[in-house]
Amino acid sequence: MMIRRLPIVALAAALSLSVASCSSSTTATSNAPDAGVSEKAQQALEKIKGQVLSKGPNGETPSPASVADLTPEEIAKVKGLNAKAAIVMHYGGNDWATAQVNGLKSEFEKLGIKVIATTDANFKPDKQVSDIETVMTQDPDIIVSIPTDPVATASAYKKAADAGTKLVFMDNIPQGLTAGKDYVSVVSADNYGNGVVSAHQMAKALGGKGKIGLVFHQADFFVTKQRYNGFKETITKEYPDIQIVEEKGIAGPDFAGDAQAAANAMLSKYPDLAGIWAVWDVPAEGVMAAARAAGRPDLKIATEDLGKNVAIALAKDELVVGLGAQVPFDQGVTEARLAAGALIGKEAPAYVALSALPVDHSNVLEAWKQVYHEDAPKDIQDSYKQ
């Protein structure tokens, strides 16, 4: 093997690179995570428990779920009506939608209300309009729904309201409809609060320093905009050493695939990217896939909604550092009770909200039971890293 000597110029360049490397190492030390910031974030997470930070779609002050409670006498009146209900979803098949439907069906059964249809629009407004028109041929007394698009679906919901059907909405309302007149109420998680929770969890994991990217929902969808605002405003105001360097919107319906492509682009553009926030658990799955493909097990991912795949990641203490969870089963129960109350003339507040639940590795198994009203599946339990 022939050994070649470096020319003087090359040797000088190598020495310069060595000095730069030492300088970089010094800088990296100065940018080390701040334990004090992590402690501040943890204190903020403790403080938010039980609170609701969101306002309603029209700026309404939130009312607690307890306003939907029914007395035994009221329940007896509802049972005597032999009422019918339809559940018209924006899209289904995910853990959140399944839990909502399970909560609704469980409570409707207790109230003697028959569920005549459950539909899935696959996030397509024209499909949802068709779904509403189809269920209306069965003359439901109640429709519980979440609009895919507040404008495109509005006329279909207005026709249902004009026909005397009691409407209760999840999270979002159609444009132009009035609470107490066209619909009973809207029931939501504290989505702004969920965004705030995920921001504090990201900051805690990063020690308050680093570059991050955001994967947001590119649609006129009230609750996902609230999450985005809650996360971004909290990071910007409270953690100035965390720099948001890239934001990419996804429109679906392949939310995991779209998020993976967005995260791939971010990781390629910013090799030193420390974290990515995803607007809910399905896009977060795409971000996880991108991190694995890029060989970035150190990437910090924060999100919302306790879906099974992100729960497994939390249990393993891998990639996902924390999330703000909704309690969709309880939301479904609340929606059913509000609808039943409306049938017997009970008035309801325009906006009812349930507080965000902070979830991380330490409480993921307990949180699953709180969110879904059942023990965590065996594969999540088996994944838990002590």
Protein backbone atom coordinates (compact mmCIF):
# COMPACT_ATOMS: atom_id res chain seq x y z
CA MET A 1 0.00 0.00 0.00
CA MET A 2 1.41 3.40 -0.93
CA ILE A 3 1.18 6.14 1.76
CA ARG A 4 0.77 9.61 0.29
CA ARG A 5 1.70 12.75 2.18
CA LEU A 6 -0.78 15.58 2.44
CA PRO A 7 0.15 18.78 0.59
CA ILE A 8 0.68 21.80 2.85
CA VAL A 9 -2.68 23.34 1.83
CA ALA A 10 -4.57 20.13 2.62
CA LEU A 11 -2.76 19.80 5.94
CA ALA A 12 -3.76 23.35 6.87
CA ALA A 13 -7.37 22.60 5.95
CA ALA A 14 -7.35 19.50 8.12
CA LEU A 15 -5.97 21.48 11.07
CA SER A 16 -8.64 24.13 10.49
CA LEU A 17 -11.34 21.44 10.48
CA SER A 18 -9.98 20.07 13.76
CA VAL A 19 -10.17 23.50 15.39
CA ALA A 20 -13.70 23.97 14.07
CA SER A 21 -14.66 20.60 15.48
CA CYS A 22 -13.40 21.63 18.91
CA SER A 23 -15.30 24.89 18.62
CA SER A 24 -18.45 22.99 17.60
CA SER A 25 -18.05 20.72 20.61
CA THR A 26 -17.87 23.76 22.88
CA THR A 27 -21.01 25.19 21.29
CA ALA A 28 -22.85 21.88 21.68
CA THR A 29 -22.02 21.93 25.39
CA SER A 30 -23.42 25.45 25.74
CA ASN A 31 -26.58 24.30 24.00
CA ALA A 32 -27.06 21.36 26.36
CA PRO A 33 -30.59 20.75 27.64
CA ASP A 34 -31.57 22.96 30.56
CA ALA A 35 -32.82 20.92 33.52
CA GLY A 36 -34.49 24.03 34.93
CA VAL A 37 -36.58 24.43 31.78
CA SER A 38 -37.58 20.77 31.92
CA GLU A 39 -38.72 21.26 35.50
CA LYS A 40 -40.70 24.36 34.49
CA ALA A 41 -42.43 22.35 31.76
CA GLN A 42 -43.31 19.57 34.20
CA GLN A 43 -44.84 22.07 36.61
CA ALA A 44 -46.93 23.52 33.77
CA LEU A 45 -48.20 20.03 32.91
CA GLU A 46 -49.24 19.45 36.52
CA LYS A 47 -51.03 22.78 36.64
CA ILE A 48 -53.08 22.21 33.47
CA LYS A 49 -54.73 19.01 34.74
CA GLY A 50 -58.48 19.45 35.10
CA GLN A 51 -58.51 22.83 33.37
CA VAL A 52 -60.11 23.76 30.04
CA LEU A 53 -58.24 26.42 28.06
CA SER A 54 -60.31 26.34 24.86
CA LYS A 55 -63.18 28.56 23.87
CA GLY A 56 -66.01 27.29 21.67
CA PRO A 57 -66.26 27.73 17.89
CA ASN A 58 -67.96 31.09 18.40
CA GLY A 59 -65.90 32.09 21.43
CA GLU A 60 -68.21 30.40 23.95
CA THR A 61 -67.06 29.81 27.53
CA PRO A 62 -66.86 26.04 28.16
CA SER A 63 -69.32 24.23 30.42
CA PRO A 64 -68.37 20.97 32.18
CA ALA A 65 -69.67 17.56 31.11
CA SER A 66 -71.76 17.37 34.27
CA VAL A 67 -74.31 19.74 32.70
CA ALA A 68 -75.47 16.79 30.59
CA ASP A 69 -76.36 14.59 33.58
CA LEU A 70 -79.93 13.27 33.69
CA THR A 71 -82.06 12.43 36.71
CA PRO A 72 -83.74 8.98 36.99
CA GLU A 73 -87.07 10.66 36.19
CA GLU A 74 -85.64 12.27 33.05
CA ILE A 75 -84.12 8.97 31.94
CA ALA A 76 -87.52 7.30 32.33
CA LYS A 77 -89.10 9.98 30.13
CA VAL A 78 -86.44 9.46 27.44
CA LYS A 79 -86.92 5.69 27.49
CA GLY A 80 -90.63 6.16 26.92
CA LEU A 81 -89.99 7.94 23.62
CA ASN A 82 -88.45 4.92 21.82
CA ALA A 83 -86.23 7.39 20.01
CA LYS A 84 -83.82 6.72 17.14
CA ALA A 85 -80.32 8.12 16.64
CA ALA A 86 -77.76 8.21 13.83
CA ILE A 87 -74.01 8.75 14.21
CA VAL A 88 -72.48 10.57 11.22
CA MET A 89 -68.67 10.54 11.47
CA HIS A 90 -66.11 12.57 9.53
CA TYR A 91 -63.91 9.50 9.26
CA GLY A 92 -63.66 6.30 11.23
CA GLY A 93 -61.46 3.33 11.87
CA ASN A 94 -59.04 5.14 14.19
CA ASP A 95 -58.95 4.74 17.96
CA TRP A 96 -60.50 8.15 18.65
CA ALA A 97 -63.49 7.62 16.37
CA THR A 98 -64.01 4.08 17.66
CA ALA A 99 -64.03 5.31 21.26
CA GLN A 100 -66.49 8.11 20.44
CA VAL A 101 -68.87 5.67 18.78
CA ASN A 102 -68.50 3.18 21.64
CA GLY A 103 -69.31 5.87 24.20
CA LEU A 104 -72.35 7.00 22.21
CA LYS A 105 -73.71 3.50 21.66
CA SER A 106 -73.15 2.51 25.28
CA GLU A 107 -75.05 5.52 26.62
CA PHE A 108 -77.81 5.42 23.98
CA GLU A 109 -78.47 1.80 24.95
CA LYS A 110 -78.81 2.79 28.61
CA LEU A 111 -81.24 5.52 27.58
CA GLY A 112 -83.38 3.22 25.43
CA ILE A 113 -82.42 5.04 22.21
CA LYS A 114 -81.85 2.85 19.14
CA VAL A 115 -78.83 3.61 16.94
CA ILE A 116 -80.08 3.12 13.38
CA ALA A 117 -76.92 4.07 11.45
CA THR A 118 -73.21 4.80 11.87
CA THR A 119 -71.52 6.35 8.83
CA ASP A 120 -67.94 7.16 7.79
CA ALA A 121 -67.32 9.99 5.28
CA ASN A 122 -63.59 9.29 4.92
CA PHE A 123 -63.05 13.03 5.37
CA LYS A 124 -64.92 13.82 2.15
CA PRO A 125 -67.59 16.55 2.52
CA ASP A 126 -69.67 15.34 -0.43
CA LYS A 127 -69.76 11.84 1.05
CA GLN A 128 -70.87 13.23 4.39
CA VAL A 129 -73.65 15.26 2.79
CA SER A 130 -74.83 12.04 1.12
CA ASP A 131 -74.60 10.21 4.46
CA ILE A 132 -76.80 12.85 6.14
CA GLU A 133 -79.37 12.67 3.35
CA THR A 134 -79.42 8.87 3.55
CA VAL A 135 -79.91 8.68 7.33
CA MET A 136 -82.64 11.32 7.15
CA THR A 137 -84.74 8.90 5.07
CA GLN A 138 -84.93 6.81 8.29
CA ASP A 139 -86.40 9.74 10.24
CA PRO A 140 -83.93 9.88 13.15
CA ASP A 141 -84.82 11.85 16.26
CA ILE A 142 -81.13 12.53 16.88
CA ILE A 143 -78.00 12.97 14.77
CA VAL A 144 -74.62 13.14 16.49
CA SER A 145 -71.94 14.22 14.05
CA ILE A 146 -68.66 15.97 13.36
CA PRO A 147 -68.63 18.04 10.14
CA THR A 148 -65.80 17.36 7.72
CA ASP A 149 -66.11 20.90 6.35
CA PRO A 150 -68.13 23.62 8.12
CA VAL A 151 -69.21 25.26 4.87
CA ALA A 152 -69.77 22.40 2.43
CA THR A 153 -71.92 20.39 4.86
CA ALA A 154 -73.93 23.27 6.36
CA SER A 155 -77.02 23.08 4.17
CA ALA A 156 -77.44 19.35 4.76
CA TYR A 157 -77.32 19.82 8.53
CA LYS A 158 -79.72 22.80 8.29
CA LYS A 159 -82.26 20.64 6.46
CA ALA A 160 -82.00 18.00 9.17
CA ALA A 161 -82.50 20.64 11.87
CA ASP A 162 -85.50 22.11 10.04
CA ALA A 163 -87.02 18.63 9.92
CA GLY A 164 -86.96 18.52 13.73
CA THR A 165 -83.94 16.25 14.24
CA LYS A 166 -81.92 17.11 17.35
CA LEU A 167 -78.30 17.76 16.33
CA VAL A 168 -75.35 17.39 18.70
CA PHE A 169 -71.90 18.05 17.29
CA MET A 170 -68.46 16.75 18.17
CA ASP A 171 -65.70 19.37 18.17
CA ASN A 172 -66.86 21.48 15.24
CA ILE A 173 -70.08 23.14 13.97
CA PRO A 174 -71.40 23.89 10.47
CA GLN A 175 -71.28 27.51 9.39
CA GLY A 176 -74.45 29.52 9.93
CA LEU A 177 -76.16 27.20 12.42
CA THR A 178 -77.19 28.59 15.81
CA ALA A 179 -76.97 26.85 19.17
CA GLY A 180 -80.32 26.37 20.86
CA LYS A 181 -82.11 26.81 17.54
CA ASP A 182 -80.49 24.63 14.89
CA TYR A 183 -78.44 22.38 17.16
CA VAL A 184 -78.36 21.39 20.83
CA SER A 185 -74.68 21.78 21.69
CA VAL A 186 -71.13 20.98 20.62
CA VAL A 187 -69.01 18.71 22.81
CA SER A 188 -65.26 18.87 22.53
CA ALA A 189 -61.98 18.01 24.09
CA ASP A 190 -59.89 20.95 25.20
CA ASN A 191 -58.04 21.02 21.90
CA TYR A 192 -56.18 24.26 22.56
CA GLY A 193 -55.19 22.75 25.89
CA ASN A 194 -54.04 19.57 24.16
CA GLY A 195 -51.75 21.68 21.99
CA VAL A 196 -50.41 23.43 25.09
CA VAL A 197 -49.80 20.07 26.77
CA SER A 198 -47.84 18.72 23.80
CA ALA A 199 -45.75 21.92 23.70
CA HIS A 200 -44.71 21.56 27.32
CA GLN A 201 -43.91 17.88 26.73
CA MET A 202 -41.74 18.73 23.74
CA ALA A 203 -39.95 21.44 25.73
CA LYS A 204 -39.44 19.06 28.65
CA ALA A 205 -37.91 16.41 26.38
CA LEU A 206 -35.62 18.94 24.67
CA GLY A 207 -34.61 20.74 27.82
CA GLY A 208 -35.98 23.90 26.24
CA LYS A 209 -33.51 24.04 23.32
CA GLY A 210 -33.32 22.90 19.71
CA LYS A 211 -34.82 23.09 16.23
CA ILE A 212 -38.25 21.59 15.58
CA GLY A 213 -40.71 21.15 12.73
CA LEU A 214 -44.51 21.17 12.73
CA VAL A 215 -46.87 18.92 10.75
CA PHE A 216 -50.29 20.59 10.81
CA HIS A 217 -53.72 19.86 9.31
CA GLN A 218 -54.17 21.88 6.14
CA ALA A 219 -57.95 22.30 6.36
CA ASP A 220 -60.59 24.65 7.75
CA PHE A 221 -61.08 22.41 10.78
CA PHE A 222 -61.66 24.19 14.07
CA VAL A 223 -60.18 21.69 16.51
CA THR A 224 -56.96 20.97 14.61
CA LYS A 225 -56.37 24.70 14.23
CA GLN A 226 -56.82 25.03 17.99
CA ARG A 227 -54.19 22.35 18.60
CA TYR A 228 -51.76 24.05 16.24
CA ASN A 229 -52.31 27.43 17.88
CA GLY A 230 -51.97 25.99 21.38
CA PHE A 231 -48.69 24.30 20.53
CA LYS A 232 -47.12 27.11 18.53
CA GLU A 233 -48.11 29.94 20.86
CA THR A 234 -46.82 28.06 23.91
CA ILE A 235 -43.47 27.22 22.30
CA THR A 236 -43.01 30.75 20.95
CA LYS A 237 -43.94 32.57 24.16
CA GLU A 238 -42.51 30.29 26.82
CA TYR A 239 -39.52 28.55 25.20
CA PRO A 240 -37.56 31.10 23.14
CA ASP A 241 -34.59 28.74 22.68
CA ILE A 242 -36.74 26.26 20.76
CA GLN A 243 -36.74 27.34 17.12
CA ILE A 244 -39.56 26.33 14.76
CA VAL A 245 -37.65 26.02 11.47
CA GLU A 246 -40.23 24.34 9.22
CA GLU A 247 -44.01 23.87 9.00
CA LYS A 248 -45.76 21.56 6.56
CA GLY A 249 -49.49 21.05 6.10
CA ILE A 250 -51.16 17.75 5.24
CA ALA A 251 -54.65 17.37 3.78
CA GLY A 252 -55.14 13.58 3.68
CA PRO A 253 -56.89 11.25 3.39
CA ASP A 254 -53.57 9.38 3.72
CA PHE A 255 -52.55 11.36 6.79
CA ALA A 256 -49.80 8.96 7.88
CA GLY A 257 -48.27 8.83 4.39
CA ASP A 258 -48.50 12.60 3.93
CA ALA A 259 -46.91 13.19 7.34
CA GLN A 260 -44.12 10.75 6.57
CA ALA A 261 -43.31 12.63 3.35
CA ALA A 262 -43.38 15.96 5.23
CA ALA A 263 -41.09 14.63 7.97
CA ASN A 264 -38.72 13.09 5.41
CA ALA A 265 -38.32 16.51 3.80
CA MET A 266 -37.71 18.20 7.15
CA LEU A 267 -35.12 15.65 8.28
CA SER A 268 -33.31 15.91 4.96
CA LYS A 269 -33.26 19.72 5.04
CA TYR A 270 -32.31 19.98 8.73
CA PRO A 271 -29.98 17.15 9.82
CA ASP A 272 -29.85 18.72 13.30
CA LEU A 273 -33.63 18.78 13.70
CA ALA A 274 -34.36 17.81 17.31
CA GLY A 275 -38.11 17.29 17.25
CA ILE A 276 -41.32 17.21 15.22
CA TRP A 277 -44.85 17.98 16.40
CA ALA A 278 -47.73 16.20 14.66
CA VAL A 279 -51.34 17.36 14.88
CA TRP A 280 -52.74 13.96 15.94
CA ASP A 281 -51.63 10.37 16.39
CA VAL A 282 -52.09 9.11 12.81
CA PRO A 283 -49.78 11.78 11.31
CA ALA A 284 -47.42 11.07 14.23
CA GLU A 285 -47.21 7.46 12.97
CA GLY A 286 -45.92 8.84 9.67
CA VAL A 287 -43.35 10.96 11.49
CA MET A 288 -42.20 7.88 13.41
CA ALA A 289 -41.77 5.99 10.14
CA ALA A 290 -39.69 8.85 8.71
CA ALA A 291 -37.50 8.97 11.83
CA ARG A 292 -36.83 5.23 11.64
CA ALA A 293 -36.05 5.41 7.93
CA ALA A 294 -33.61 8.27 8.55
CA GLY A 295 -31.88 6.46 11.41
CA ARG A 296 -33.06 9.08 13.90
CA PRO A 297 -34.13 7.20 17.06
CA ASP A 298 -33.20 10.35 19.00
CA LEU A 299 -35.92 12.47 17.35
CA LYS A 300 -38.48 13.80 19.84
CA ILE A 301 -42.11 13.54 18.68
CA ALA A 302 -45.04 15.18 20.46
CA THR A 303 -48.66 14.88 19.37
CA GLU A 304 -52.31 14.59 20.45
CA ASP A 305 -54.67 11.61 20.87
CA LEU A 306 -53.77 8.31 22.49
CA GLY A 307 -53.90 5.93 19.53
CA LYS A 308 -52.55 2.41 19.84
CA ASN A 309 -49.35 2.87 17.81
CA VAL A 310 -48.25 6.01 19.63
CA ALA A 311 -49.17 4.31 22.92
CA ILE A 312 -46.80 1.45 22.06
CA ALA A 313 -44.06 4.00 21.29
CA LEU A 314 -44.69 5.70 24.63
CA ALA A 315 -44.65 2.34 26.41
CA LYS A 316 -41.29 1.51 24.79
CA ASP A 317 -40.04 5.03 25.57
CA GLU A 318 -39.10 5.43 21.91
CA LEU A 319 -39.54 8.50 19.67
CA VAL A 320 -42.85 9.75 21.12
CA VAL A 321 -42.12 11.82 24.22
CA GLY A 322 -45.66 12.78 25.14
CA LEU A 323 -49.11 13.81 24.00
CA GLY A 324 -52.28 15.52 25.06
CA ALA A 325 -55.10 12.96 25.10
CA GLN A 326 -58.77 13.47 24.63
CA VAL A 327 -61.31 11.31 26.47
CA PRO A 328 -63.46 10.35 23.48
CA PHE A 329 -65.51 7.67 25.23
CA ASP A 330 -66.60 10.22 27.84
CA GLN A 331 -67.26 12.75 25.09
CA GLY A 332 -69.58 10.22 23.42
CA VAL A 333 -71.44 9.65 26.69
CA THR A 334 -71.85 13.41 27.15
CA GLU A 335 -73.14 13.87 23.59
CA ALA A 336 -75.71 11.11 24.03
CA ARG A 337 -76.97 12.63 27.28
CA LEU A 338 -77.27 16.12 25.78
CA ALA A 339 -79.22 14.74 22.83
CA ALA A 340 -81.52 12.77 25.12
CA GLY A 341 -82.12 15.81 27.29
CA ALA A 342 -83.07 17.85 24.24
CA LEU A 343 -85.75 15.31 23.36
CA ILE A 344 -87.55 16.09 26.63
CA GLY A 345 -87.07 19.85 26.39
CA LYS A 346 -83.93 20.35 28.49
CA GLU A 347 -81.84 23.36 27.55
CA ALA A 348 -78.11 22.89 27.06
CA PRO A 349 -75.12 25.23 26.96
CA ALA A 350 -73.72 25.94 23.51
CA TYR A 351 -70.28 24.49 24.26
CA VAL A 352 -69.23 21.64 26.56
CA ALA A 353 -65.57 20.70 26.92
CA LEU A 354 -63.58 18.01 28.72
CA SER A 355 -60.06 18.77 29.92
CA ALA A 356 -56.84 17.56 28.28
CA LEU A 357 -55.04 14.54 29.73
CA PRO A 358 -51.22 14.76 29.66
CA VAL A 359 -49.71 11.36 28.75
CA ASP A 360 -46.09 10.25 28.70
CA HIS A 361 -44.15 7.05 29.31
CA SER A 362 -44.79 7.11 33.04
CA ASN A 363 -48.61 7.02 32.88
CA VAL A 364 -49.46 5.58 29.47
CA LEU A 365 -51.07 2.39 30.83
CA GLU A 366 -53.24 4.25 33.34
CA ALA A 367 -54.13 6.87 30.73
CA TRP A 368 -55.30 4.21 28.28
CA LYS A 369 -57.82 2.95 30.83
CA GLN A 370 -59.02 6.49 31.52
CA VAL A 371 -59.41 7.28 27.81
CA TYR A 372 -61.02 4.02 26.63
CA HIS A 373 -62.62 2.64 29.82
CA GLU A 374 -60.75 -0.64 29.45
CA ASP A 375 -57.29 -2.00 30.21
CA ALA A 376 -54.53 -1.34 27.70
CA PRO A 377 -54.24 -4.14 25.10
CA LYS A 378 -51.69 -6.84 25.83
CA ASP A 379 -49.25 -5.64 23.17
CA ILE A 380 -49.09 -2.19 24.81
CA GLN A 381 -48.65 -3.74 28.26
CA ASP A 382 -45.98 -6.12 26.96
CA SER A 383 -44.15 -3.19 25.31
CA TYR A 384 -43.83 -1.25 28.53
CA LYS A 385 -40.21 -0.56 29.40
CA GLN A 386 -39.62 -0.40 33.15
